[in-house]
Amino acid sequence: MDEIAIGFAAVILSIGVLPLSLLFFIHKIKAKKMDTLIKIVELGGNVDPDMMKMLSGGEGNYKTDYKIGMIWLALGVPITLGIWLESGYEEAVFGTIAIFIGIAFLISGKYRLRESS
């Protein structure tokens, strides 16, 4: 009986509470950025594209794609090996999803590096 209650609570948290809290924090960050822009305009400052880029966090560069790709690979390889050693290669296919995401980010970083030069 306890397993069912714990499972139900986990489902409710993962489907309901986590996405709502994520949306709440995204809204708070955007509201703080908007307050910053309003204060700048009230003080007589001008809002130029460089300031907007700084406040938005920018597009990111190829290094961020490389870092994200390496993190996905660092997660995907042990997960795949763990599943493979535990259950066999048929189930290990699901662990390769993280590896492919990491490879995609590495390729994206390579193309961004090529575009910037």
N, C-alpha and C. Protein backbone atom coordinates (compact mmCIF):
# COMPACT_ATOMS: atom_id res chain seq x y z
N MET A 1 0.82 -1.19 0.00
CA MET A 1 0.00 0.00 0.00
C MET A 1 0.86 1.26 0.00
N ASP A 2 1.95 1.23 0.76
CA ASP A 2 2.82 2.40 0.82
C ASP A 2 3.50 2.66 -0.52
N GLU A 3 3.82 1.59 -1.26
CA GLU A 3 4.47 1.76 -2.55
C GLU A 3 3.55 2.49 -3.52
N ILE A 4 2.27 2.20 -3.45
CA ILE A 4 1.31 2.85 -4.34
C ILE A 4 1.20 4.34 -3.99
N ALA A 5 1.16 4.65 -2.71
CA ALA A 5 1.07 6.05 -2.29
C ALA A 5 2.32 6.82 -2.67
N ILE A 6 3.48 6.21 -2.50
CA ILE A 6 4.73 6.87 -2.87
C ILE A 6 4.80 7.06 -4.38
N GLY A 7 4.40 6.06 -5.13
CA GLY A 7 4.38 6.18 -6.59
C GLY A 7 3.42 7.26 -7.05
N PHE A 8 2.24 7.31 -6.44
CA PHE A 8 1.26 8.33 -6.79
C PHE A 8 1.79 9.73 -6.48
N ALA A 9 2.43 9.89 -5.32
CA ALA A 9 3.00 11.19 -4.95
C ALA A 9 4.12 11.59 -5.92
N ALA A 10 4.93 10.62 -6.33
CA ALA A 10 6.00 10.92 -7.28
C ALA A 10 5.44 11.37 -8.62
N VAL A 11 4.37 10.72 -9.06
CA VAL A 11 3.75 11.10 -10.33
C VAL A 11 3.16 12.50 -10.23
N ILE A 12 2.47 12.79 -9.15
CA ILE A 12 1.87 14.12 -8.96
C ILE A 12 2.96 15.18 -8.93
N LEU A 13 4.06 14.92 -8.22
CA LEU A 13 5.14 15.89 -8.16
C LEU A 13 5.79 16.10 -9.52
N SER A 14 6.06 15.03 -10.22
CA SER A 14 6.76 15.18 -11.49
C SER A 14 5.89 15.78 -12.58
N ILE A 15 4.60 15.51 -12.56
CA ILE A 15 3.72 16.04 -13.60
C ILE A 15 3.20 17.43 -13.24
N GLY A 16 2.94 17.68 -11.99
CA GLY A 16 2.30 18.93 -11.62
C GLY A 16 3.20 19.97 -10.99
N VAL A 17 3.85 19.61 -9.92
CA VAL A 17 4.57 20.60 -9.13
C VAL A 17 5.86 21.06 -9.80
N LEU A 18 6.64 20.15 -10.34
CA LEU A 18 7.92 20.54 -10.94
C LEU A 18 7.76 21.47 -12.13
N PRO A 19 6.89 21.17 -13.10
CA PRO A 19 6.74 22.12 -14.21
C PRO A 19 6.19 23.48 -13.76
N LEU A 20 5.27 23.47 -12.80
CA LEU A 20 4.73 24.75 -12.32
C LEU A 20 5.79 25.57 -11.60
N SER A 21 6.63 24.92 -10.81
CA SER A 21 7.69 25.66 -10.13
C SER A 21 8.72 26.17 -11.13
N LEU A 22 8.99 25.41 -12.17
CA LEU A 22 9.90 25.87 -13.21
C LEU A 22 9.34 27.11 -13.90
N LEU A 23 8.07 27.09 -14.24
CA LEU A 23 7.44 28.26 -14.85
C LEU A 23 7.45 29.46 -13.91
N PHE A 24 7.25 29.22 -12.63
CA PHE A 24 7.27 30.30 -11.65
C PHE A 24 8.64 30.97 -11.61
N PHE A 25 9.70 30.17 -11.56
CA PHE A 25 11.04 30.75 -11.49
C PHE A 25 11.43 31.45 -12.79
N ILE A 26 11.01 30.92 -13.92
CA ILE A 26 11.27 31.61 -15.19
C ILE A 26 10.56 32.96 -15.20
N HIS A 27 9.33 32.99 -14.71
CA HIS A 27 8.58 34.25 -14.65
C HIS A 27 9.27 35.24 -13.72
N LYS A 28 9.76 34.78 -12.58
CA LYS A 28 10.45 35.67 -11.64
C LYS A 28 11.69 36.28 -12.27
N ILE A 29 12.45 35.48 -13.01
CA ILE A 29 13.67 35.98 -13.66
C ILE A 29 13.31 37.03 -14.71
N LYS A 30 12.29 36.76 -15.51
CA LYS A 30 11.88 37.73 -16.54
C LYS A 30 11.35 39.01 -15.90
N ALA A 31 10.63 38.88 -14.80
CA ALA A 31 10.11 40.07 -14.11
C ALA A 31 11.25 40.92 -13.56
N LYS A 32 12.29 40.30 -13.02
CA LYS A 32 13.43 41.06 -12.51
C LYS A 32 14.16 41.77 -13.64
N LYS A 33 14.29 41.12 -14.79
CA LYS A 33 14.92 41.78 -15.94
C LYS A 33 14.10 42.96 -16.40
N MET A 34 12.78 42.81 -16.42
CA MET A 34 11.90 43.90 -16.83
C MET A 34 11.98 45.05 -15.83
N ASP A 35 12.05 44.75 -14.53
CA ASP A 35 12.20 45.80 -13.52
C ASP A 35 13.51 46.56 -13.71
N THR A 36 14.56 45.84 -14.07
CA THR A 36 15.85 46.49 -14.33
C THR A 36 15.73 47.44 -15.50
N LEU A 37 15.08 47.01 -16.57
CA LEU A 37 14.91 47.89 -17.74
C LEU A 37 14.07 49.11 -17.39
N ILE A 38 13.02 48.92 -16.61
CA ILE A 38 12.17 50.05 -16.23
C ILE A 38 12.95 51.05 -15.39
N LYS A 39 13.77 50.57 -14.46
CA LYS A 39 14.58 51.48 -13.64
C LYS A 39 15.58 52.24 -14.48
N ILE A 40 16.17 51.59 -15.47
CA ILE A 40 17.13 52.27 -16.34
C ILE A 40 16.45 53.39 -17.11
N VAL A 41 15.27 53.10 -17.65
CA VAL A 41 14.54 54.11 -18.41
C VAL A 41 14.07 55.24 -17.50
N GLU A 42 13.63 54.92 -16.28
CA GLU A 42 13.19 55.96 -15.35
C GLU A 42 14.33 56.90 -14.95
N LEU A 43 15.55 56.37 -14.88
CA LEU A 43 16.70 57.20 -14.52
C LEU A 43 17.25 57.97 -15.71
N GLY A 44 16.63 57.81 -16.87
CA GLY A 44 17.05 58.58 -18.04
C GLY A 44 18.08 57.88 -18.91
N GLY A 45 18.35 56.65 -18.63
CA GLY A 45 19.30 55.90 -19.45
C GLY A 45 18.65 55.38 -20.71
N ASN A 46 19.48 55.01 -21.65
CA ASN A 46 18.93 54.43 -22.88
C ASN A 46 19.22 52.93 -22.90
N VAL A 47 18.35 52.22 -23.55
CA VAL A 47 18.47 50.77 -23.63
C VAL A 47 18.95 50.43 -25.03
N ASP A 48 20.20 50.02 -25.12
CA ASP A 48 20.75 49.67 -26.43
C ASP A 48 20.77 48.15 -26.61
N PRO A 49 21.02 47.69 -27.83
CA PRO A 49 21.00 46.24 -28.08
C PRO A 49 22.02 45.45 -27.26
N ASP A 50 23.16 46.07 -26.96
CA ASP A 50 24.16 45.37 -26.15
C ASP A 50 23.64 45.09 -24.75
N MET A 51 22.91 46.06 -24.19
CA MET A 51 22.35 45.86 -22.86
C MET A 51 21.27 44.78 -22.88
N MET A 52 20.45 44.78 -23.93
CA MET A 52 19.42 43.75 -24.04
C MET A 52 20.05 42.37 -24.17
N LYS A 53 21.14 42.29 -24.92
CA LYS A 53 21.83 41.01 -25.08
C LYS A 53 22.42 40.55 -23.75
N MET A 54 22.95 41.51 -22.99
CA MET A 54 23.52 41.17 -21.69
C MET A 54 22.43 40.68 -20.73
N LEU A 55 21.28 41.34 -20.73
CA LEU A 55 20.20 40.93 -19.84
C LEU A 55 19.56 39.61 -20.24
N SER A 56 19.54 39.34 -21.54
CA SER A 56 18.91 38.10 -21.98
C SER A 56 19.84 36.91 -21.84
N GLY A 57 21.08 37.14 -21.54
CA GLY A 57 22.01 36.04 -21.39
C GLY A 57 22.73 35.71 -22.68
N GLY A 58 22.39 36.37 -23.75
CA GLY A 58 23.06 36.14 -25.02
C GLY A 58 22.65 34.82 -25.64
N GLU A 59 23.19 34.59 -26.79
CA GLU A 59 22.88 33.37 -27.53
C GLU A 59 23.71 32.19 -27.05
N GLY A 60 24.80 32.48 -26.42
CA GLY A 60 25.73 31.42 -26.08
C GLY A 60 26.70 31.22 -27.22
N ASN A 61 27.78 30.58 -26.95
CA ASN A 61 28.75 30.36 -28.01
C ASN A 61 29.03 28.87 -28.12
N TYR A 62 29.99 28.55 -28.95
CA TYR A 62 30.29 27.14 -29.20
C TYR A 62 30.79 26.44 -27.95
N LYS A 63 31.42 27.18 -27.04
CA LYS A 63 31.95 26.55 -25.83
C LYS A 63 30.83 26.01 -24.94
N THR A 64 29.71 26.72 -24.89
CA THR A 64 28.61 26.22 -24.08
C THR A 64 28.04 24.94 -24.67
N ASP A 65 27.97 24.87 -26.01
CA ASP A 65 27.50 23.63 -26.63
C ASP A 65 28.45 22.48 -26.35
N TYR A 66 29.76 22.76 -26.39
CA TYR A 66 30.72 21.71 -26.07
C TYR A 66 30.57 21.24 -24.62
N LYS A 67 30.38 22.18 -23.71
CA LYS A 67 30.23 21.80 -22.30
C LYS A 67 28.98 20.96 -22.09
N ILE A 68 27.87 21.40 -22.67
CA ILE A 68 26.62 20.65 -22.53
C ILE A 68 26.76 19.27 -23.16
N GLY A 69 27.41 19.21 -24.33
CA GLY A 69 27.62 17.92 -24.99
C GLY A 69 28.47 16.97 -24.16
N MET A 70 29.50 17.51 -23.54
CA MET A 70 30.36 16.66 -22.70
C MET A 70 29.61 16.18 -21.46
N ILE A 71 28.75 17.02 -20.91
CA ILE A 71 27.95 16.60 -19.75
C ILE A 71 27.01 15.47 -20.14
N TRP A 72 26.32 15.61 -21.30
CA TRP A 72 25.42 14.55 -21.75
C TRP A 72 26.19 13.26 -22.02
N LEU A 73 27.38 13.38 -22.61
CA LEU A 73 28.18 12.17 -22.84
C LEU A 73 28.63 11.55 -21.52
N ALA A 74 29.02 12.41 -20.57
CA ALA A 74 29.46 11.90 -19.27
C ALA A 74 28.32 11.21 -18.52
N LEU A 75 27.10 11.61 -18.78
CA LEU A 75 25.95 10.92 -18.18
C LEU A 75 25.55 9.69 -18.98
N GLY A 76 25.59 9.80 -20.29
CA GLY A 76 25.09 8.73 -21.16
C GLY A 76 25.94 7.48 -21.16
N VAL A 77 27.25 7.64 -21.15
CA VAL A 77 28.13 6.47 -21.22
C VAL A 77 27.96 5.57 -19.99
N PRO A 78 28.03 6.11 -18.75
CA PRO A 78 27.84 5.21 -17.60
C PRO A 78 26.43 4.62 -17.51
N ILE A 79 25.43 5.41 -17.91
CA ILE A 79 24.06 4.88 -17.88
C ILE A 79 23.94 3.72 -18.85
N THR A 80 24.47 3.90 -20.06
CA THR A 80 24.40 2.84 -21.07
C THR A 80 25.16 1.60 -20.61
N LEU A 81 26.37 1.81 -20.09
CA LEU A 81 27.15 0.66 -19.62
C LEU A 81 26.47 -0.04 -18.44
N GLY A 82 25.90 0.74 -17.53
CA GLY A 82 25.21 0.14 -16.39
C GLY A 82 24.01 -0.68 -16.82
N ILE A 83 23.23 -0.14 -17.74
CA ILE A 83 22.06 -0.90 -18.22
C ILE A 83 22.52 -2.12 -18.99
N TRP A 84 23.57 -1.98 -19.78
CA TRP A 84 24.06 -3.10 -20.59
C TRP A 84 24.56 -4.23 -19.69
N LEU A 85 25.33 -3.88 -18.67
CA LEU A 85 25.86 -4.91 -17.78
C LEU A 85 24.77 -5.55 -16.93
N GLU A 86 23.73 -4.78 -16.62
CA GLU A 86 22.67 -5.28 -15.75
C GLU A 86 21.62 -6.07 -16.53
N SER A 87 21.20 -5.56 -17.69
CA SER A 87 20.05 -6.14 -18.39
C SER A 87 20.36 -6.66 -19.78
N GLY A 88 21.48 -6.34 -20.32
CA GLY A 88 21.79 -6.78 -21.67
C GLY A 88 21.71 -5.64 -22.66
N TYR A 89 22.15 -5.92 -23.87
CA TYR A 89 22.26 -4.85 -24.85
C TYR A 89 20.92 -4.41 -25.41
N GLU A 90 19.87 -5.23 -25.30
CA GLU A 90 18.57 -4.82 -25.82
C GLU A 90 18.03 -3.60 -25.08
N GLU A 91 18.18 -3.57 -23.77
CA GLU A 91 17.70 -2.44 -22.98
C GLU A 91 18.69 -1.28 -22.97
N ALA A 92 19.94 -1.55 -23.30
CA ALA A 92 20.96 -0.50 -23.27
C ALA A 92 20.73 0.55 -24.34
N VAL A 93 19.87 0.25 -25.30
CA VAL A 93 19.56 1.22 -26.35
C VAL A 93 18.97 2.49 -25.75
N PHE A 94 18.21 2.36 -24.67
CA PHE A 94 17.61 3.54 -24.05
C PHE A 94 18.66 4.45 -23.42
N GLY A 95 19.75 3.90 -22.99
CA GLY A 95 20.83 4.72 -22.44
C GLY A 95 21.59 5.49 -23.50
N THR A 96 21.51 5.02 -24.74
CA THR A 96 22.23 5.72 -25.81
C THR A 96 21.56 7.03 -26.21
N ILE A 97 20.34 7.26 -25.74
CA ILE A 97 19.67 8.52 -26.06
C ILE A 97 20.50 9.69 -25.54
N ALA A 98 21.00 9.60 -24.32
CA ALA A 98 21.83 10.67 -23.76
C ALA A 98 23.13 10.82 -24.54
N ILE A 99 23.69 9.71 -25.01
CA ILE A 99 24.91 9.78 -25.81
C ILE A 99 24.65 10.52 -27.12
N PHE A 100 23.54 10.22 -27.77
CA PHE A 100 23.23 10.89 -29.03
C PHE A 100 22.93 12.38 -28.82
N ILE A 101 22.31 12.73 -27.71
CA ILE A 101 22.09 14.14 -27.41
C ILE A 101 23.43 14.85 -27.22
N GLY A 102 24.35 14.21 -26.51
CA GLY A 102 25.68 14.78 -26.33
C GLY A 102 26.42 14.95 -27.64
N ILE A 103 26.33 13.96 -28.52
CA ILE A 103 26.97 14.06 -29.83
C ILE A 103 26.35 15.20 -30.63
N ALA A 104 25.03 15.36 -30.54
CA ALA A 104 24.37 16.45 -31.26
C ALA A 104 24.85 17.81 -30.77
N PHE A 105 25.03 17.97 -29.46
CA PHE A 105 25.54 19.24 -28.95
C PHE A 105 26.98 19.47 -29.39
N LEU A 106 27.80 18.42 -29.43
CA LEU A 106 29.17 18.59 -29.90
C LEU A 106 29.20 19.01 -31.36
N ILE A 107 28.35 18.42 -32.18
CA ILE A 107 28.27 18.80 -33.59
C ILE A 107 27.78 20.24 -33.72
N SER A 108 26.80 20.61 -32.90
CA SER A 108 26.30 21.99 -32.92
C SER A 108 27.41 22.98 -32.55
N GLY A 109 28.20 22.64 -31.56
CA GLY A 109 29.33 23.49 -31.19
C GLY A 109 30.34 23.61 -32.30
N LYS A 110 30.56 22.53 -33.01
CA LYS A 110 31.50 22.55 -34.14
C LYS A 110 31.00 23.47 -35.24
N TYR A 111 29.70 23.42 -35.55
CA TYR A 111 29.14 24.29 -36.58
C TYR A 111 29.13 25.75 -36.13
N ARG A 112 28.87 26.01 -34.87
CA ARG A 112 28.92 27.39 -34.37
C ARG A 112 30.34 27.94 -34.45
N LEU A 113 31.32 27.11 -34.15
CA LEU A 113 32.71 27.53 -34.26
C LEU A 113 33.04 27.86 -35.71
N ARG A 114 32.56 27.05 -36.62
CA ARG A 114 32.81 27.27 -38.05
C ARG A 114 32.12 28.55 -38.53
N GLU A 115 30.90 28.84 -38.05
CA GLU A 115 30.18 30.04 -38.46
C GLU A 115 30.82 31.31 -37.91
N SER A 116 31.38 31.24 -36.71
CA SER A 116 31.95 32.44 -36.10
C SER A 116 33.27 32.83 -36.74
N SER A 117 33.96 31.89 -37.35
CA SER A 117 35.26 32.24 -37.96
C SER A 117 35.15 32.44 -39.44
